[in-house]
Amino acid sequence: MLNSRGLDLSPADILKAEIIGAVPVEKREEYTERWENLEEMLGRERFADLFGHIRMIHRKQKIRGTLVAEFREYVPYRDDPAGFIDRELTPCGDAYEDITDRNFSSFRNAEDVNRLLRHLARLDNIDWQPPAIDVFARWRTDPDFIVRFVTDLERLAYGLFLTRADATTRIGRYGALLQAIQAGADLFAEDSPLQLTAAEKVGVLNTLNDEIYTVTRIRLPLLLRLDSMLSGGAAEFDNPIVTVEHVLPQNPAPGSLWMNDFPEEADRVSWVHRLANLVLLTQRKNSQAGNLDFAEKKTRYFMTKGGVCAFPLTSQVLSEETWTPKTLQLRQKELIDKVAEVWRLR
């Protein structure tokens, strides 16, 4: 089946026929226009996704049937379809636009909220979005609550991301969070589902101290987030080409100074893929240059034109005179301490 524009019917199209069709005749044209304006604002794909998020806000569990079937069963729109559009679809659509465009506007805290939303957008899942939509729709006029909530949501989402929680675990956790939101619970209490548990904090710290580079999905989002922490939020980069590179090379040349500074193979293996040995670059450099000795590598490999490095994480390396196991030990502690401070892991 096709809609009026010749496109295959989406769940949103099917639900539109039901919901708009149930609006009183005298109001139907007005609500059709409002519905279509919202769809145009979000775009067809995001508008279709919105119905899945609204289903989750009500169902609070992983979808088990079709979206249309579960929407019909769990979202109460039949008794007052116009009221559903007024009180739920429109505010949730506005909230979803703010979240996905990272364009929250307010007289206070907007910059902080949008920065946190940019960090969240780097994750490999969107399971955090329904609780965010629910909160933005409910508390849009309270920017202090919004920024506090998003601060802790970002912490939770990254905690689950770094410990590689699976989809079932994530959705269950966000379902519990939605339940707490709708029950009016204190979201900032220690036992709230918004907060990391003691075991989850330990899990994040263990991940940070492990071989970050080998976990492909987490290394770039984590290092970009850490870079922002080091800059106090001042550094934000939209360059589409950002890579994670090693300081100590993965395969240092025999006879190089690297072999002198890291005479024990066990030390090289232990440190090469860990947080302290990783930096960000805005373009992939020549792989042979990556094996240069430290002093030359700093100027030819890590420094950009004009002698300025865009990333605080990389700038710190430029200030080091040598790169040894002791340097890495100190740097590892400093970086993990910074993450632990910002995300309240201890």
Foldseek 3Di string as FASTA:
>chain_A
DADPVRHPDALVNVVCCVLLVLAPPVCSVVVVVVLVVLCVVLDVVVLSVLLVLVLCLFVLADDDDDSNVSCVVGPPCNVPSVVCVVQPVVLLSVQSCCLVVLPQDDPDDSLLLSLLSVLVVLAPDCLLPSVSSVCCSVPVHPNVVNNVLSLLQSLVSVLCRLLVPDPRVSSNLVSQQSVCVVVVHDCPDCPHSSHDDLVSLVSNLVSQQQLLQVPPSPNVSVQQVLLCLVVVNPADDPQPAKDKAFLLDPDADPPAVSCVQCVDPVLCVSQGRHDLGIDMDSHDDDPVLSNHANVSCLVPPQADPPRDHRTPSSVVSNPDPHDHSVSSVVSSVVSSVSVCVSSVSD
